[in-house]
C-alpha cells in the first residue's frame, strides 16, 4: 500500500464514526423526534418551583418553617456559645467574648433547613439550623429548631428559635466586615 492510499484510508475512519452527522452537499435524513421532552424549563427553579405530576402542582424543596424565618437565635452548652443571625450578619458570642463578634454570612436554604456560611479567623464559620424540635441539655427549655455550629474546625450541637424582633433588627443593622483576603503565596521557584 502506498503512503497516499494509507493516508486516504486513515482519513475515512473518522468519517465512518460520524454516522448521523450531516455534511455539506450530502442529502440529510429527518431527525428523529423525542416524545415528551419539551426542553429546559422556561424559568429558573430558584424563581419558581418546578411543577411535577399530572396535577402540575408547584413543589417547594425548602423546609417551610426555617425558610420563612428571617432571623434566628441559637445557643449551645459545653462549650457555651450563642449566635444571633439576621440578614447577612451573625453575632458570635462565647464566655470569653460576651459582646460578640460580627461575621458576614451568606444564607443557604436546603431541604431540611437553612445554613449560614461565613469566615471567622480565616476558617469556615457555619451555622446549620434544621426544623427538628430540640431541648436544651442544661435548662430543659424546648426550642423549635436544632442548631449545629462549626467554628475553628470544631462542631458543636445546640438549639435555636426565631430571634426576637428587637434582636433581629439590631443584628440586621450591623454591617459585618468582609473577610480578609488570603495572603498571597510566595513561589519558591525563581522566575
N, C-alpha and C. Protein backbone atom coordinates (compact mmCIF):
# COMPACT_ATOMS: atom_id res chain seq x y z
N UNK A 1 0.85 -1.16 0.00
CA UNK A 1 0.00 0.00 0.00
C UNK A 1 0.90 1.23 0.00
N UNK A 2 0.57 2.16 -0.84
CA UNK A 2 1.38 3.37 -0.94
C UNK A 2 1.02 4.30 0.21
N UNK A 3 1.94 5.21 0.57
CA UNK A 3 1.64 6.14 1.65
C UNK A 3 0.39 6.99 1.38
N UNK A 4 0.15 7.31 0.12
CA UNK A 4 -1.01 8.13 -0.22
C UNK A 4 -2.31 7.35 0.04
N UNK A 5 -2.37 6.09 -0.32
CA UNK A 5 -3.56 5.27 -0.06
C UNK A 5 -3.77 5.06 1.44
N UNK A 6 -2.68 4.89 2.16
CA UNK A 6 -2.78 4.72 3.62
C UNK A 6 -3.37 5.98 4.26
N UNK A 7 -2.95 7.14 3.76
CA UNK A 7 -3.48 8.40 4.28
C UNK A 7 -4.97 8.53 4.00
N UNK A 8 -5.40 8.18 2.82
CA UNK A 8 -6.82 8.24 2.46
C UNK A 8 -7.62 7.27 3.33
N UNK A 9 -7.09 6.09 3.57
CA UNK A 9 -7.78 5.10 4.41
C UNK A 9 -7.92 5.63 5.84
N UNK A 10 -6.88 6.26 6.36
CA UNK A 10 -6.95 6.81 7.72
C UNK A 10 -7.92 7.98 7.82
N UNK A 11 -8.07 8.73 6.76
CA UNK A 11 -8.99 9.87 6.77
C UNK A 11 -10.45 9.43 6.73
N UNK A 12 -10.74 8.27 6.19
CA UNK A 12 -12.13 7.81 6.11
C UNK A 12 -12.60 7.20 7.42
N UNK A 13 -11.70 6.74 8.26
CA UNK A 13 -12.11 6.14 9.54
C UNK A 13 -12.87 7.14 10.42
N UNK A 14 -12.37 8.36 10.63
CA UNK A 14 -13.15 9.30 11.45
C UNK A 14 -14.50 9.63 10.83
N UNK A 15 -14.59 9.68 9.50
CA UNK A 15 -15.87 9.96 8.86
C UNK A 15 -16.86 8.82 9.07
N UNK A 16 -16.38 7.61 9.11
CA UNK A 16 -17.26 6.46 9.35
C UNK A 16 -17.82 6.51 10.77
N UNK A 17 -17.08 7.09 11.70
CA UNK A 17 -17.54 7.18 13.08
C UNK A 17 -18.58 8.27 13.26
N UNK A 18 -18.75 9.12 12.28
CA UNK A 18 -19.69 10.25 12.38
C UNK A 18 -21.04 9.89 11.78
N UNK A 19 -21.53 8.71 12.01
CA UNK A 19 -22.82 8.30 11.47
C UNK A 19 -23.91 9.20 12.02
N UNK A 20 -24.75 9.68 11.16
CA UNK A 20 -25.84 10.55 11.58
C UNK A 20 -25.47 12.02 11.51
N UNK A 21 -24.21 12.35 11.26
CA UNK A 21 -23.80 13.74 11.15
C UNK A 21 -23.96 14.15 9.71
N UNK A 22 -24.56 15.30 9.49
CA UNK A 22 -24.76 15.75 8.11
C UNK A 22 -23.56 16.55 7.65
N UNK A 23 -23.18 16.32 6.43
CA UNK A 23 -22.07 17.04 5.82
C UNK A 23 -22.61 17.93 4.72
N UNK A 24 -21.97 19.07 4.49
CA UNK A 24 -22.46 19.96 3.45
C UNK A 24 -22.48 19.25 2.10
N UNK A 25 -23.56 19.46 1.34
CA UNK A 25 -23.66 18.90 0.00
C UNK A 25 -24.22 17.50 -0.05
N UNK A 26 -24.43 16.86 1.10
CA UNK A 26 -24.98 15.50 1.12
C UNK A 26 -26.44 15.56 1.55
N UNK A 27 -27.28 14.65 1.05
CA UNK A 27 -28.69 14.65 1.46
C UNK A 27 -28.81 14.30 2.95
N UNK A 28 -29.80 14.88 3.63
CA UNK A 28 -29.98 14.64 5.06
C UNK A 28 -31.26 13.87 5.30
N UNK A 29 -31.24 13.06 6.36
CA UNK A 29 -32.44 12.33 6.77
C UNK A 29 -33.13 13.16 7.84
N UNK A 30 -34.43 12.96 7.99
CA UNK A 30 -35.18 13.71 9.01
C UNK A 30 -34.69 13.29 10.39
N UNK A 31 -34.50 14.28 11.28
CA UNK A 31 -34.04 14.00 12.64
C UNK A 31 -35.18 13.36 13.43
N UNK A 32 -34.87 12.30 14.20
CA UNK A 32 -35.93 11.65 14.98
C UNK A 32 -36.41 12.60 16.09
N UNK A 33 -37.71 12.58 16.37
CA UNK A 33 -38.28 13.42 17.41
C UNK A 33 -38.43 12.60 18.69
N UNK A 34 -38.05 13.19 19.80
CA UNK A 34 -38.18 12.55 21.10
C UNK A 34 -39.51 12.96 21.70
N UNK A 35 -40.33 11.98 22.04
CA UNK A 35 -41.66 12.24 22.59
C UNK A 35 -41.55 12.66 24.05
N UNK A 36 -42.35 13.66 24.43
CA UNK A 36 -42.46 14.04 25.82
C UNK A 36 -41.45 15.06 26.29
N UNK A 37 -40.37 15.26 25.61
CA UNK A 37 -39.36 16.22 26.06
C UNK A 37 -39.63 17.57 25.42
N UNK A 38 -39.78 18.57 26.25
CA UNK A 38 -40.10 19.90 25.76
C UNK A 38 -38.93 20.86 25.95
N UNK A 39 -37.77 20.39 26.38
CA UNK A 39 -36.62 21.26 26.61
C UNK A 39 -36.55 21.72 28.05
N UNK A 40 -35.62 22.59 28.35
CA UNK A 40 -35.46 23.04 29.73
C UNK A 40 -36.64 23.91 30.16
N UNK A 41 -36.87 24.01 31.49
CA UNK A 41 -37.99 24.83 31.96
C UNK A 41 -37.78 26.28 31.55
N UNK A 42 -38.88 27.01 31.39
CA UNK A 42 -38.82 28.39 30.93
C UNK A 42 -38.35 29.37 31.99
N UNK A 43 -38.34 28.97 33.27
CA UNK A 43 -37.93 29.87 34.35
C UNK A 43 -37.03 29.10 35.30
N UNK A 44 -36.15 29.80 35.94
CA UNK A 44 -35.23 29.17 36.90
C UNK A 44 -36.01 28.58 38.06
N UNK A 45 -35.63 27.38 38.55
CA UNK A 45 -36.30 26.82 39.72
C UNK A 45 -36.08 27.67 40.96
N UNK A 46 -35.07 28.56 40.93
CA UNK A 46 -34.85 29.45 42.06
C UNK A 46 -35.91 30.55 42.10
N UNK A 47 -36.51 30.87 40.96
CA UNK A 47 -37.53 31.90 40.89
C UNK A 47 -38.93 31.34 41.05
N UNK A 48 -39.15 30.12 40.59
CA UNK A 48 -40.46 29.49 40.65
C UNK A 48 -40.26 28.00 40.84
N UNK A 49 -40.97 27.37 41.80
CA UNK A 49 -40.80 25.94 42.00
C UNK A 49 -41.11 25.15 40.73
N UNK A 50 -40.43 24.05 40.54
CA UNK A 50 -40.66 23.20 39.38
C UNK A 50 -41.97 22.44 39.58
N UNK A 51 -42.79 22.39 38.54
CA UNK A 51 -44.06 21.69 38.62
C UNK A 51 -43.84 20.21 38.29
N UNK A 52 -44.49 19.35 39.06
CA UNK A 52 -44.35 17.91 38.84
C UNK A 52 -45.73 17.26 38.89
N UNK A 53 -45.82 16.07 38.35
CA UNK A 53 -47.04 15.28 38.45
C UNK A 53 -48.11 15.70 37.47
N UNK A 54 -49.18 14.93 37.42
CA UNK A 54 -50.27 15.16 36.48
C UNK A 54 -51.03 16.44 36.82
N UNK A 55 -51.10 16.80 38.11
CA UNK A 55 -51.85 17.97 38.52
C UNK A 55 -51.04 19.26 38.34
N UNK A 56 -49.76 19.17 38.05
CA UNK A 56 -48.87 20.31 37.85
C UNK A 56 -48.89 21.25 39.05
N UNK A 57 -48.71 20.67 40.25
CA UNK A 57 -48.65 21.47 41.47
C UNK A 57 -47.20 21.90 41.70
N UNK A 58 -46.96 23.16 42.13
CA UNK A 58 -45.60 23.54 42.46
C UNK A 58 -45.14 22.78 43.71
N UNK A 59 -43.92 22.29 43.70
CA UNK A 59 -43.36 21.55 44.82
C UNK A 59 -42.12 22.30 45.29
N UNK A 60 -42.16 22.79 46.51
CA UNK A 60 -41.01 23.51 47.05
C UNK A 60 -40.07 22.51 47.70
N UNK A 61 -38.77 22.72 47.54
CA UNK A 61 -37.80 21.80 48.12
C UNK A 61 -37.27 22.31 49.46
N UNK A 62 -37.61 23.52 49.85
CA UNK A 62 -37.12 24.07 51.11
C UNK A 62 -38.11 23.78 52.23
N UNK A 63 -37.61 23.54 53.42
CA UNK A 63 -38.43 23.28 54.59
C UNK A 63 -39.09 24.61 54.98
N UNK A 64 -40.40 24.65 55.13
CA UNK A 64 -41.16 25.88 55.27
C UNK A 64 -40.87 26.67 56.55
N UNK A 65 -40.79 26.01 57.71
CA UNK A 65 -40.61 26.74 58.97
C UNK A 65 -39.30 27.51 59.01
N UNK A 66 -38.22 26.90 58.56
CA UNK A 66 -36.93 27.60 58.57
C UNK A 66 -36.85 28.59 57.41
N UNK A 67 -37.40 28.23 56.26
CA UNK A 67 -37.36 29.10 55.09
C UNK A 67 -38.07 30.42 55.37
N UNK A 68 -39.19 30.36 56.09
CA UNK A 68 -39.99 31.55 56.36
C UNK A 68 -39.52 32.34 57.59
N UNK A 69 -38.51 31.87 58.29
CA UNK A 69 -37.96 32.60 59.43
C UNK A 69 -36.77 33.42 58.95
N UNK A 70 -36.82 34.73 59.19
CA UNK A 70 -35.79 35.62 58.67
C UNK A 70 -34.59 35.76 59.60
N UNK A 71 -34.78 35.55 60.91
CA UNK A 71 -33.69 35.72 61.87
C UNK A 71 -33.77 34.64 62.94
N UNK A 72 -32.62 34.19 63.40
CA UNK A 72 -32.56 33.12 64.39
C UNK A 72 -31.67 33.51 65.56
N UNK A 73 -31.97 32.91 66.71
CA UNK A 73 -31.08 32.96 67.88
C UNK A 73 -30.78 31.50 68.21
N UNK A 74 -29.49 31.16 68.24
CA UNK A 74 -29.08 29.78 68.52
C UNK A 74 -28.10 29.79 69.68
N UNK A 75 -28.07 28.67 70.41
CA UNK A 75 -27.12 28.57 71.52
C UNK A 75 -26.81 27.11 71.81
N UNK A 76 -25.67 26.92 72.45
CA UNK A 76 -25.26 25.57 72.81
C UNK A 76 -24.50 25.57 74.12
N UNK A 77 -24.37 24.39 74.71
CA UNK A 77 -23.70 24.23 76.00
C UNK A 77 -22.47 23.36 75.87
N UNK A 78 -21.52 23.60 76.74
CA UNK A 78 -20.31 22.79 76.89
C UNK A 78 -19.64 22.47 75.56
N UNK A 79 -18.97 23.33 74.90
CA UNK A 79 -18.67 24.70 75.32
C UNK A 79 -19.86 25.62 75.04
N UNK A 80 -19.98 26.66 75.86
CA UNK A 80 -21.08 27.60 75.70
C UNK A 80 -20.83 28.51 74.51
N UNK A 81 -21.88 28.72 73.73
CA UNK A 81 -21.82 29.62 72.58
C UNK A 81 -23.23 30.13 72.29
N UNK A 82 -23.28 31.25 71.60
CA UNK A 82 -24.56 31.82 71.17
C UNK A 82 -24.33 32.54 69.85
N UNK A 83 -25.31 32.45 68.96
CA UNK A 83 -25.25 33.14 67.68
C UNK A 83 -26.63 33.74 67.40
N UNK A 84 -26.64 35.05 67.13
CA UNK A 84 -27.84 35.72 66.64
C UNK A 84 -27.55 36.06 65.19
N UNK A 85 -28.47 35.71 64.28
CA UNK A 85 -28.23 35.94 62.86
C UNK A 85 -29.47 36.53 62.20
N UNK A 86 -29.21 37.56 61.38
CA UNK A 86 -30.27 38.21 60.60
C UNK A 86 -29.62 38.85 59.39
N UNK A 87 -30.28 38.75 58.25
CA UNK A 87 -29.71 39.33 57.03
C UNK A 87 -28.39 38.65 56.71
N UNK A 88 -27.36 39.44 56.47
CA UNK A 88 -26.04 38.88 56.14
C UNK A 88 -25.06 39.02 57.29
N UNK A 89 -25.57 39.13 58.54
CA UNK A 89 -24.71 39.28 59.71
C UNK A 89 -25.05 38.26 60.78
N UNK A 90 -24.01 37.66 61.35
CA UNK A 90 -24.16 36.78 62.50
C UNK A 90 -23.32 37.38 63.63
N UNK A 91 -23.85 37.38 64.85
CA UNK A 91 -23.10 37.82 66.02
C UNK A 91 -22.79 36.57 66.82
N UNK A 92 -21.48 36.24 66.89
CA UNK A 92 -20.99 35.03 67.55
C UNK A 92 -20.48 35.40 68.94
N UNK A 93 -21.08 34.80 69.98
CA UNK A 93 -20.72 35.09 71.36
C UNK A 93 -20.20 33.84 72.06
N UNK A 94 -19.20 34.06 72.90
CA UNK A 94 -18.64 33.00 73.74
C UNK A 94 -18.47 33.57 75.15
N UNK A 95 -18.20 32.73 76.17
CA UNK A 95 -17.97 33.28 77.50
C UNK A 95 -16.79 34.27 77.53
N UNK A 96 -15.82 34.08 76.68
CA UNK A 96 -14.68 34.99 76.62
C UNK A 96 -14.96 36.26 75.84
N UNK A 97 -16.04 36.30 75.06
CA UNK A 97 -16.40 37.48 74.28
C UNK A 97 -17.91 37.66 74.34
N UNK A 98 -18.38 38.23 75.45
CA UNK A 98 -19.82 38.37 75.70
C UNK A 98 -20.49 39.38 74.76
N UNK A 99 -19.75 40.38 74.28
CA UNK A 99 -20.32 41.34 73.34
C UNK A 99 -20.54 40.70 71.98
N UNK A 100 -19.69 39.77 71.63
CA UNK A 100 -19.81 39.05 70.37
C UNK A 100 -19.00 39.67 69.26
N UNK A 101 -18.83 38.89 68.23
CA UNK A 101 -18.09 39.33 67.05
C UNK A 101 -19.01 39.22 65.85
N UNK A 102 -19.07 40.29 65.05
CA UNK A 102 -19.90 40.30 63.85
C UNK A 102 -19.18 39.57 62.72
N UNK A 103 -19.88 38.65 62.09
CA UNK A 103 -19.33 37.85 60.99
C UNK A 103 -20.28 37.97 59.80
N UNK A 104 -19.73 38.28 58.63
CA UNK A 104 -20.54 38.34 57.42
C UNK A 104 -20.85 36.91 56.98
N UNK A 105 -22.13 36.64 56.72
CA UNK A 105 -22.56 35.29 56.34
C UNK A 105 -23.45 35.34 55.11
N UNK A 106 -23.55 34.22 54.44
CA UNK A 106 -24.49 34.01 53.34
C UNK A 106 -25.48 32.95 53.77
N UNK A 107 -26.75 33.17 53.50
CA UNK A 107 -27.79 32.22 53.87
C UNK A 107 -28.03 31.26 52.71
N UNK A 108 -28.07 29.97 53.03
CA UNK A 108 -28.35 28.93 52.04
C UNK A 108 -29.55 28.13 52.54
N UNK A 109 -30.57 27.99 51.71
CA UNK A 109 -31.74 27.19 52.05
C UNK A 109 -31.55 25.79 51.47
N UNK A 110 -31.93 24.79 52.23
CA UNK A 110 -31.86 23.42 51.73
C UNK A 110 -33.08 22.66 52.22
N UNK A 111 -33.21 21.42 51.84
CA UNK A 111 -34.44 20.66 52.08
C UNK A 111 -34.82 20.56 53.56
N UNK A 112 -33.86 20.45 54.47
CA UNK A 112 -34.20 20.27 55.88
C UNK A 112 -34.08 21.54 56.71
N UNK A 113 -33.58 22.64 56.14
CA UNK A 113 -33.44 23.85 56.94
C UNK A 113 -32.67 24.93 56.22
N UNK A 114 -31.89 25.69 57.01
CA UNK A 114 -31.06 26.77 56.46
C UNK A 114 -29.66 26.65 57.03
N UNK A 115 -28.73 27.27 56.32
CA UNK A 115 -27.34 27.27 56.76
C UNK A 115 -26.77 28.66 56.50
N UNK A 116 -26.04 29.18 57.47
CA UNK A 116 -25.36 30.46 57.32
C UNK A 116 -23.87 30.16 57.27
N UNK A 117 -23.21 30.63 56.21
CA UNK A 117 -21.81 30.30 55.99
C UNK A 117 -21.00 31.60 55.92
N UNK A 118 -19.90 31.64 56.67
CA UNK A 118 -19.02 32.80 56.68
C UNK A 118 -17.60 32.37 57.01
N UNK A 119 -16.77 33.35 57.39
CA UNK A 119 -15.37 33.09 57.75
C UNK A 119 -15.08 33.76 59.09
N UNK A 120 -14.52 32.99 60.02
CA UNK A 120 -14.11 33.51 61.33
C UNK A 120 -12.65 33.13 61.55
N UNK A 121 -11.81 34.13 61.74
CA UNK A 121 -10.37 33.91 61.97
C UNK A 121 -9.76 33.06 60.86
N UNK A 122 -10.19 33.31 59.62
CA UNK A 122 -9.61 32.62 58.48
C UNK A 122 -10.10 31.19 58.27
N UNK A 123 -11.07 30.75 59.06
CA UNK A 123 -11.60 29.39 58.93
C UNK A 123 -13.10 29.44 58.72
N UNK A 124 -13.69 28.36 58.18
CA UNK A 124 -15.14 28.37 57.93
C UNK A 124 -15.95 28.52 59.22
N UNK A 125 -16.99 29.32 59.12
CA UNK A 125 -17.96 29.53 60.19
C UNK A 125 -19.30 29.11 59.60
N UNK A 126 -19.92 28.07 60.17
CA UNK A 126 -21.16 27.52 59.60
C UNK A 126 -22.17 27.30 60.72
N UNK A 127 -23.32 27.95 60.58
CA UNK A 127 -24.44 27.72 61.50
C UNK A 127 -25.52 27.01 60.70
N UNK A 128 -25.80 25.76 61.08
CA UNK A 128 -26.78 24.92 60.41
C UNK A 128 -28.00 24.83 61.31
N UNK A 129 -29.17 25.17 60.78
CA UNK A 129 -30.42 25.13 61.56
C UNK A 129 -31.41 24.24 60.83
N UNK A 130 -31.94 23.26 61.56
CA UNK A 130 -32.90 22.30 60.98
C UNK A 130 -34.22 22.36 61.74
N UNK A 131 -35.29 22.09 61.04
CA UNK A 131 -36.63 22.10 61.63
C UNK A 131 -36.88 20.80 62.36
N UNK A 132 -36.24 20.67 63.49
CA UNK A 132 -36.42 19.49 64.33
C UNK A 132 -36.41 19.98 65.78
N UNK A 133 -37.42 19.58 66.55
CA UNK A 133 -37.52 20.07 67.92
C UNK A 133 -36.27 19.72 68.72
N UNK A 134 -35.94 20.59 69.66
CA UNK A 134 -34.71 20.46 70.43
C UNK A 134 -34.99 20.85 71.88
N UNK A 135 -34.32 20.18 72.80
CA UNK A 135 -34.43 20.53 74.22
C UNK A 135 -33.04 20.86 74.73
N UNK A 136 -32.92 22.04 75.37
CA UNK A 136 -31.64 22.48 75.91
C UNK A 136 -31.17 21.46 76.95
N UNK A 137 -29.92 21.04 76.84
CA UNK A 137 -29.40 19.98 77.71
C UNK A 137 -29.21 20.42 79.15
N UNK A 138 -29.16 21.72 79.43
CA UNK A 138 -29.00 22.18 80.81
C UNK A 138 -30.30 22.70 81.41
N UNK A 139 -31.01 23.56 80.68
CA UNK A 139 -32.21 24.19 81.24
C UNK A 139 -33.48 23.37 81.01
N UNK A 140 -33.46 22.49 80.02
CA UNK A 140 -34.65 21.71 79.68
C UNK A 140 -35.64 22.48 78.82
N UNK A 141 -35.31 23.72 78.44
CA UNK A 141 -36.19 24.54 77.61
C UNK A 141 -36.33 23.93 76.22
N UNK A 142 -37.57 23.96 75.70
CA UNK A 142 -37.84 23.42 74.37
C UNK A 142 -37.68 24.51 73.31
N UNK A 143 -37.13 24.11 72.15
CA UNK A 143 -36.92 25.00 71.01
C UNK A 143 -37.49 24.33 69.76
N UNK A 144 -37.93 25.12 68.78
CA UNK A 144 -38.49 24.52 67.56
C UNK A 144 -37.44 23.99 66.58
N UNK A 145 -36.17 24.42 66.73
CA UNK A 145 -35.14 24.04 65.77
C UNK A 145 -33.89 23.49 66.49
N UNK A 146 -33.18 22.61 65.79
CA UNK A 146 -31.86 22.19 66.26
C UNK A 146 -30.82 23.03 65.52
N UNK A 147 -29.69 23.22 66.18
CA UNK A 147 -28.62 24.02 65.59
C UNK A 147 -27.31 23.24 65.70
N UNK A 148 -26.44 23.49 64.73
CA UNK A 148 -25.10 22.90 64.75
C UNK A 148 -24.16 24.01 64.29
N UNK A 149 -23.19 24.35 65.14
CA UNK A 149 -22.24 25.41 64.84
C UNK A 149 -20.87 24.81 64.60
N UNK A 150 -20.28 25.14 63.46
CA UNK A 150 -18.91 24.71 63.16
C UNK A 150 -18.07 25.97 63.09
N UNK A 151 -17.09 26.06 63.99
CA UNK A 151 -16.19 27.20 64.03
C UNK A 151 -14.82 26.70 64.50
N UNK A 152 -13.78 27.21 63.89
CA UNK A 152 -12.40 26.80 64.19
C UNK A 152 -12.21 25.30 64.04
N UNK A 153 -12.92 24.69 63.09
CA UNK A 153 -12.76 23.27 62.82
C UNK A 153 -13.51 22.36 63.78
N UNK A 154 -14.24 22.91 64.73
CA UNK A 154 -14.97 22.09 65.71
C UNK A 154 -16.46 22.31 65.54
N UNK A 155 -17.23 21.22 65.65
CA UNK A 155 -18.68 21.29 65.51
C UNK A 155 -19.33 21.05 66.86
N UNK A 156 -20.27 21.94 67.22
CA UNK A 156 -20.98 21.84 68.50
C UNK A 156 -22.47 21.88 68.25
N UNK A 157 -23.21 21.08 69.01
CA UNK A 157 -24.66 21.00 68.87
C UNK A 157 -25.34 22.00 69.78
N UNK A 158 -26.55 22.38 69.41
CA UNK A 158 -27.33 23.30 70.22
C UNK A 158 -28.75 23.37 69.73
N UNK A 159 -29.48 24.37 70.21
CA UNK A 159 -30.88 24.59 69.85
C UNK A 159 -31.04 26.00 69.30
N UNK A 160 -32.14 26.22 68.59
CA UNK A 160 -32.39 27.54 68.01
C UNK A 160 -33.88 27.82 67.96
N UNK A 161 -34.18 29.10 67.81
CA UNK A 161 -35.54 29.55 67.65
C UNK A 161 -35.54 30.85 66.87
N UNK A 162 -36.72 31.33 66.51
CA UNK A 162 -36.77 32.63 65.82
C UNK A 162 -36.24 33.71 66.77
N UNK A 163 -35.48 34.65 66.22
CA UNK A 163 -34.96 35.75 67.03
C UNK A 163 -36.08 36.71 67.38
N UNK A 164 -35.98 37.31 68.55
CA UNK A 164 -36.93 38.34 68.95
C UNK A 164 -36.82 39.51 67.96
N UNK A 165 -37.93 40.19 67.68
CA UNK A 165 -37.88 41.28 66.69
C UNK A 165 -36.81 42.33 66.98
N UNK A 166 -36.62 42.72 68.24
CA UNK A 166 -35.60 43.72 68.56
C UNK A 166 -34.19 43.19 68.33
N UNK A 167 -33.97 41.90 68.57
CA UNK A 167 -32.66 41.29 68.30
C UNK A 167 -32.42 41.23 66.80
N UNK A 168 -33.43 40.81 66.05
CA UNK A 168 -33.29 40.72 64.60
C UNK A 168 -32.99 42.07 63.99
N UNK A 169 -33.67 43.12 64.46
CA UNK A 169 -33.44 44.47 63.93
C UNK A 169 -32.03 44.95 64.26
N UNK A 170 -31.58 44.70 65.50
CA UNK A 170 -30.25 45.14 65.91
C UNK A 170 -29.15 44.41 65.13
N UNK A 171 -29.30 43.13 64.93
CA UNK A 171 -28.29 42.35 64.21
C UNK A 171 -28.27 42.75 62.74
N UNK A 172 -29.44 42.89 62.13
CA UNK A 172 -29.50 43.25 60.71
C UNK A 172 -28.91 44.63 60.45
N UNK A 173 -28.94 45.52 61.46
CA UNK A 173 -28.39 46.87 61.30
C UNK A 173 -26.86 46.89 61.30
N UNK A 174 -26.25 45.83 61.82
CA UNK A 174 -24.78 45.76 61.87
C UNK A 174 -24.27 45.25 60.53
N UNK A 175 -23.34 45.95 59.96
CA UNK A 175 -22.72 45.52 58.71
C UNK A 175 -21.38 44.88 59.06
N UNK A 176 -21.34 43.57 59.03
CA UNK A 176 -20.11 42.85 59.35
C UNK A 176 -19.07 43.09 58.26
N UNK A 177 -17.81 43.20 58.65
CA UNK A 177 -16.77 43.41 57.64
C UNK A 177 -16.58 42.18 56.77
N UNK A 178 -16.12 42.42 55.57
CA UNK A 178 -15.82 41.30 54.67
C UNK A 178 -14.61 40.55 55.21
N UNK A 179 -14.53 39.25 54.99
CA UNK A 179 -13.36 38.50 55.45
C UNK A 179 -12.10 39.02 54.76
N UNK A 180 -10.99 38.96 55.49
CA UNK A 180 -9.72 39.41 54.94
C UNK A 180 -9.31 38.53 53.76
N UNK A 181 -8.72 39.14 52.77
CA UNK A 181 -8.23 38.39 51.61
C UNK A 181 -7.06 37.51 52.06
N UNK A 182 -6.95 36.31 51.52
CA UNK A 182 -5.85 35.44 51.91
C UNK A 182 -4.52 36.03 51.47
N UNK A 183 -3.51 35.75 52.26
CA UNK A 183 -2.17 36.21 51.90
C UNK A 183 -1.72 35.48 50.65
N UNK A 184 -1.05 36.21 49.78
CA UNK A 184 -0.58 35.55 48.55
C UNK A 184 0.56 34.61 48.90
N UNK A 185 0.55 33.51 48.22
CA UNK A 185 1.60 32.51 48.44
C UNK A 185 2.83 32.90 47.65
N UNK A 186 3.96 32.86 48.29
CA UNK A 186 5.20 33.17 47.61
C UNK A 186 5.75 31.92 46.94
N UNK A 187 6.20 32.09 45.74
CA UNK A 187 6.73 30.96 44.99
C UNK A 187 8.17 30.72 45.39
N UNK A 188 8.52 29.46 45.55
CA UNK A 188 9.91 29.14 45.87
C UNK A 188 10.75 28.97 44.60
N UNK A 189 10.10 29.01 43.44
CA UNK A 189 10.81 28.85 42.17
C UNK A 189 11.14 30.22 41.60
N UNK A 190 12.38 30.46 41.24
CA UNK A 190 12.70 31.74 40.64
C UNK A 190 12.12 31.82 39.24
N UNK A 191 11.69 33.01 38.86
CA UNK A 191 11.11 33.18 37.54
C UNK A 191 12.13 33.66 36.58
